[in-house]
Protein backbone atom coordinates (compact mmCIF):
# COMPACT_ATOMS: atom_id res chain seq x y z
CA MET A 1 14.55 -6.75 -8.02
CA ALA A 2 13.33 -9.40 -10.53
CA GLU A 3 14.42 -9.21 -14.37
CA GLY A 4 10.60 -7.72 -16.39
CA ILE A 5 9.27 -6.86 -13.56
CA LEU A 6 9.10 -3.63 -10.93
CA ARG A 7 9.82 -2.06 -14.01
CA PRO A 8 9.55 1.98 -13.27
CA ILE A 9 8.35 4.33 -15.36
CA ALA A 10 10.60 6.10 -17.52
CA ASN A 11 10.35 10.33 -16.61
CA GLY A 12 7.89 9.78 -14.45
CA ALA A 13 6.23 12.56 -12.69
CA SER A 14 8.16 14.69 -9.95
CA TYR A 15 6.50 16.28 -7.40
CA PRO A 16 8.66 18.87 -5.06
CA SER A 17 5.77 19.01 -1.88
CA LEU A 18 6.98 15.45 -1.49
CA ALA A 19 10.41 15.90 -0.74
CA GLY A 20 11.26 15.99 2.92
CA LYS A 21 7.93 14.42 3.19
CA LYS A 22 7.73 11.98 6.12
CA VAL A 23 6.27 8.54 5.10
CA ILE A 24 5.66 5.25 6.64
CA ILE A 25 4.69 2.41 4.57
CA SER A 26 3.60 -1.26 5.33
CA GLY A 27 4.51 -4.24 3.50
CA GLY A 28 7.22 -2.19 1.88
CA GLY A 29 9.54 -5.04 1.30
CA SER A 30 8.65 -6.56 -1.45
CA GLY A 31 5.61 -6.32 -4.73
CA ILE A 32 3.62 -3.53 -4.96
CA GLY A 33 5.04 -1.88 -1.32
CA GLU A 34 8.33 -2.08 -2.88
CA GLY A 35 7.52 0.02 -5.57
CA ILE A 36 5.62 2.18 -3.40
CA VAL A 37 9.13 2.76 -1.03
CA GLU A 38 11.18 3.15 -4.10
CA GLY A 39 8.31 6.22 -5.77
CA PHE A 40 8.94 7.68 -2.79
CA VAL A 41 12.89 7.76 -2.09
CA ARG A 42 13.34 8.63 -5.63
CA GLN A 43 11.06 12.05 -4.78
CA GLY A 44 13.35 12.78 -2.07
CA ALA A 45 10.89 11.76 1.08
CA ALA A 46 11.78 10.44 4.44
CA VAL A 47 10.35 7.08 4.05
CA ALA A 48 10.24 4.12 6.93
CA PHE A 49 8.82 1.22 5.68
CA VAL A 50 8.04 -2.06 8.00
CA ASP A 51 7.57 -5.71 6.76
CA ILE A 52 8.07 -9.44 8.35
CA GLU A 53 10.79 -10.35 5.46
CA VAL A 54 14.28 -9.13 6.36
CA GLU A 55 16.31 -10.61 3.60
CA LEU A 56 13.83 -8.85 0.96
CA SER A 57 13.62 -5.47 3.19
CA GLU A 58 17.26 -5.20 3.85
CA ALA A 59 18.13 -5.63 -0.18
CA LEU A 60 15.79 -3.13 -0.91
CA VAL A 61 17.74 -0.69 1.66
CA ALA A 62 20.77 -1.90 0.14
CA ARG A 63 19.59 -0.94 -3.32
CA LEU A 64 18.19 2.36 -2.54
CA GLY A 65 21.24 3.28 -0.76
CA ASP A 66 22.36 6.00 -2.97
CA ALA A 67 19.33 8.18 -2.35
CA GLU A 68 19.27 11.49 -0.96
CA ILE A 69 17.47 10.14 2.08
CA ALA A 70 17.85 6.36 2.48
CA PRO A 71 14.81 4.06 3.56
CA ILE A 72 14.64 2.77 7.27
CA PHE A 73 13.33 -0.49 7.52
CA SER A 74 11.77 -2.26 10.59
CA HIS A 75 10.49 -5.71 11.25
CA CYS A 76 7.17 -5.91 12.24
CA ASP A 77 4.33 -8.21 12.36
CA ILE A 78 1.36 -5.97 11.64
CA THR A 79 -1.12 -8.22 12.93
CA HIS A 80 -0.58 -7.38 16.73
CA SER A 81 -2.24 -4.32 16.91
CA THR A 82 -0.72 -2.89 19.85
CA ASP A 83 2.81 -3.86 18.37
CA TYR A 84 2.38 -1.84 15.38
CA ALA A 85 1.00 1.08 16.73
CA THR A 86 4.12 1.08 18.96
CA ARG A 87 6.01 0.62 15.83
CA ILE A 88 4.93 3.75 14.25
CA GLU A 89 4.79 5.81 16.79
CA GLU A 90 8.72 4.63 17.27
CA LEU A 91 9.20 5.21 13.74
CA ILE A 92 7.40 8.98 14.07
CA GLU A 93 9.91 9.57 16.75
CA ARG A 94 12.72 8.54 14.31
CA LEU A 95 11.44 10.47 11.25
CA GLY A 96 10.98 13.34 13.03
CA GLY A 97 6.77 13.36 12.22
CA CYS A 98 4.35 11.71 9.91
CA ASP A 99 2.84 13.64 6.72
CA VAL A 100 1.84 10.11 5.03
CA LEU A 101 0.33 6.87 5.55
CA VAL A 102 0.41 4.19 3.21
CA ASN A 103 -1.42 1.14 4.50
CA ASN A 104 -0.01 -1.59 1.89
CA ALA A 105 0.25 -4.67 3.62
CA ALA A 106 -1.92 -7.50 2.59
CA ASN A 107 -2.05 -11.56 2.24
CA ASP A 108 -4.15 -12.99 -0.54
CA ASP A 109 -3.53 -16.69 -0.11
CA ARG A 110 -6.82 -18.51 -1.25
CA HIS A 111 -8.74 -20.09 0.81
CA LYS A 112 -11.94 -22.64 0.54
CA MET A 113 -14.99 -21.96 2.63
CA GLU A 114 -14.96 -25.56 4.02
CA ASP A 115 -11.44 -25.05 5.32
CA VAL A 116 -11.72 -21.62 7.06
CA THR A 117 -11.51 -22.00 11.11
CA GLU A 118 -12.43 -18.87 13.20
CA ALA A 119 -8.64 -18.40 13.79
CA TYR A 120 -7.94 -18.40 10.46
CA TRP A 121 -10.56 -15.75 9.33
CA ASP A 122 -9.44 -13.81 12.37
CA GLU A 123 -5.97 -13.78 11.12
CA ARG A 124 -6.72 -13.00 7.67
CA MET A 125 -8.84 -10.12 8.78
CA ALA A 126 -6.01 -9.02 11.15
CA VAL A 127 -3.37 -8.96 7.73
CA ASN A 128 -5.63 -6.92 5.51
CA LEU A 129 -8.05 -4.79 7.18
CA LYS A 130 -7.40 -4.53 10.91
CA HIS A 131 -4.10 -2.95 10.58
CA GLN A 132 -4.98 -0.22 8.53
CA PHE A 133 -7.30 1.57 11.26
CA PHE A 134 -4.92 1.24 14.01
CA ALA A 135 -2.10 2.13 12.08
CA ALA A 136 -4.06 5.94 11.01
CA ARG A 137 -5.16 6.12 14.38
CA ALA A 138 -1.33 5.75 15.22
CA ALA A 139 -0.36 8.39 13.28
CA LEU A 140 -3.29 10.79 13.50
CA PRO A 141 -1.24 13.10 16.41
CA ALA A 142 1.91 13.12 14.45
CA MET A 143 -0.57 14.62 11.24
CA ARG A 144 -2.53 16.85 13.14
CA THR A 145 0.30 18.41 14.95
CA ALA A 146 1.87 18.54 11.15
CA GLY A 147 -1.14 20.56 10.34
CA GLY A 148 -2.51 17.67 7.98
CA GLY A 149 -1.61 14.61 6.28
CA SER A 150 -2.51 12.18 3.62
CA ILE A 151 -3.32 8.54 4.34
CA ILE A 152 -4.23 6.01 1.56
CA ASN A 153 -5.03 2.91 1.86
CA LEU A 154 -4.36 -0.29 -0.82
CA GLY A 155 -7.69 -2.09 -1.72
CA SER A 156 -8.34 -4.11 -4.43
CA ILE A 157 -10.21 -5.07 -7.58
CA SER A 158 -10.86 -8.85 -6.73
CA TRP A 159 -14.49 -8.34 -4.46
CA HIS A 160 -15.68 -6.58 -7.49
CA LEU A 161 -14.75 -9.42 -9.32
CA GLY A 162 -15.77 -12.22 -7.02
CA LEU A 163 -13.25 -14.07 -7.69
CA GLU A 164 -12.99 -17.72 -6.44
CA ASN A 165 -11.31 -18.67 -3.23
CA LEU A 166 -10.97 -15.62 -1.93
CA ALA A 167 -14.06 -14.92 0.54
CA ILE A 168 -12.16 -13.39 3.32
CA TYR A 169 -9.63 -11.79 1.88
CA GLN A 170 -12.26 -9.92 -0.30
CA THR A 171 -14.48 -9.10 2.49
CA ALA A 172 -11.61 -7.62 3.79
CA LYS A 173 -10.78 -5.30 0.72
CA ALA A 174 -14.45 -3.91 0.62
CA GLY A 175 -14.38 -2.91 4.15
CA ILE A 176 -11.09 -1.05 3.54
CA GLU A 177 -13.58 1.23 1.07
CA GLY A 178 -16.03 1.61 3.78
CA LEU A 179 -13.15 2.34 6.41
CA THR A 180 -11.66 4.84 3.75
CA ARG A 181 -14.80 6.87 3.72
CA SER A 182 -15.51 7.21 7.38
CA LEU A 183 -12.11 8.30 8.25
CA ALA A 184 -12.22 10.93 5.54
CA ARG A 185 -15.11 12.26 7.08
CA GLU A 186 -13.82 11.96 10.41
CA LEU A 187 -10.07 13.79 9.39
CA GLY A 188 -11.07 16.17 7.03
CA ARG A 189 -11.41 19.20 9.37
CA ASP A 190 -8.01 18.19 10.31
CA ASN A 191 -6.79 18.81 6.68
CA ILE A 192 -6.32 14.83 6.58
CA ARG A 193 -7.15 13.47 3.01
CA VAL A 194 -7.68 9.66 3.14
CA ASN A 195 -8.30 7.81 -0.09
CA ALA A 196 -8.06 4.15 -1.58
CA ILE A 197 -6.25 2.68 -4.48
CA ILE A 198 -7.89 -0.19 -6.06
CA PRO A 199 -5.24 -2.19 -8.30
CA GLY A 200 -6.01 -4.31 -10.72
CA ASN A 201 -3.91 -7.98 -11.11
CA VAL A 202 -0.18 -6.07 -10.78
CA GLN A 203 2.87 -8.41 -12.25
CA THR A 204 4.72 -8.84 -9.07
CA PRO A 205 6.81 -12.38 -8.11
CA ARG A 206 3.99 -13.69 -5.56
CA GLN A 207 1.15 -13.03 -8.08
CA SER A 208 3.72 -14.84 -10.91
CA LYS A 209 2.98 -18.15 -8.83
CA TRP A 210 -0.56 -18.00 -9.32
CA TYR A 211 -0.71 -17.74 -12.77
CA SER A 212 0.23 -19.39 -16.19
CA PRO A 213 1.20 -17.77 -18.91
CA GLU A 214 -2.35 -18.62 -19.76
CA GLY A 215 -3.52 -16.99 -17.17
CA GLU A 216 -1.71 -13.97 -17.70
CA ALA A 217 -3.15 -14.25 -21.29
CA GLU A 218 -6.68 -14.26 -19.77
CA ILE A 219 -5.55 -11.55 -17.49
CA VAL A 220 -4.61 -9.30 -20.62
CA ALA A 221 -7.74 -10.05 -22.42
CA ALA A 222 -10.40 -8.69 -19.59
CA GLN A 223 -8.14 -5.49 -19.65
CA CYS A 224 -9.29 -2.59 -21.73
CA LEU A 225 -5.60 -1.61 -21.94
CA SER A 226 -2.34 -4.60 -23.61
CA GLY A 227 0.47 -4.95 -20.93
CA ARG A 228 0.59 -6.29 -17.33
CA ILE A 229 0.31 -3.92 -14.56
CA GLN A 230 3.71 -2.88 -12.49
CA PRO A 231 4.17 -1.64 -9.23
CA ALA A 232 5.40 1.26 -10.39
CA ASP A 233 1.58 2.17 -11.56
CA ILE A 234 0.45 1.57 -8.45
CA ALA A 235 3.29 3.88 -6.68
CA ALA A 236 2.61 6.59 -9.47
CA MET A 237 -1.23 7.14 -7.88
CA ALA A 238 0.11 6.86 -4.63
CA LEU A 239 2.68 10.06 -5.18
CA PHE A 240 0.13 11.84 -6.85
CA LEU A 241 -2.44 11.05 -3.70
CA ALA A 242 -0.05 12.24 -0.92
CA SER A 243 1.52 15.41 -3.07
CA ASP A 244 -0.28 19.15 -2.67
CA ASP A 245 -1.50 18.36 -6.26
CA ALA A 246 -4.04 16.45 -5.10
CA ARG A 247 -5.19 19.01 -1.67
CA PHE A 248 -8.81 18.09 -2.77
CA CYS A 249 -9.00 14.70 -3.25
CA THR A 250 -10.15 12.61 -0.12
CA ALA A 251 -13.10 9.90 0.27
CA HIS A 252 -12.44 8.11 -2.94
CA ASN A 253 -10.96 4.90 -4.67
CA TYR A 254 -8.49 5.66 -7.34
CA TRP A 255 -8.72 2.71 -10.03
CA VAL A 256 -5.37 1.68 -11.81
CA ASP A 257 -6.43 -1.46 -13.63
CA ALA A 258 -6.10 -0.97 -16.85
CA GLY A 259 -9.61 -1.05 -17.69
CA TRP A 260 -10.16 -4.71 -15.95
CA ARG A 261 -13.52 -4.61 -14.96
């Protein structure tokens, strides 16, 4: 964990309803995903996560080795939907079910419109949008068997701001909000809740490479609140939405952006 980044929230909320819950998280090896994995593990949940980065993911598993239930890491490329769905089914078998699915994985590499090829478009949609639908479908039988569940999709503030050099990423992230509404309507009678978290600019090692100290100051200046959002702040919202405390929360977006709009 980088010093000064990924800081946990002191005296964060405890959700007894999450203890023993079976949770699957995509992109859990670093950044926001790392914060979400740790958040659920510290609540006593049984967590499995997938990521394409092996070294970072294994380091996270080692760091959380003292937990009551240690997390499970599975190497997976989420852009191959059939393989990813099969991997989710395998993790469901290992966990003994799936109560919570967090669709976190994404890639916000910058791109200029004139440089985009059809193959690049398809790959960006696969890594930022398509996997969320197929993961939800793969988890659906287990959630129905359990009598319900919570699906949490990670969106982005970026398309609401209309940032430069992110056209495909922002298109995919806008689609996530539509997908969330659609799945919430379709799955609600199965007692499956579907929500989206819309993070602002979260301070992670990856995001830090895009911004100079001056850029960091501009972000804070654009927010209503001072300070930089941490992965633990996004995790805090995910924990609430997965818990029984949010039993009537579905079909909506939950912003964690320090008022940056």
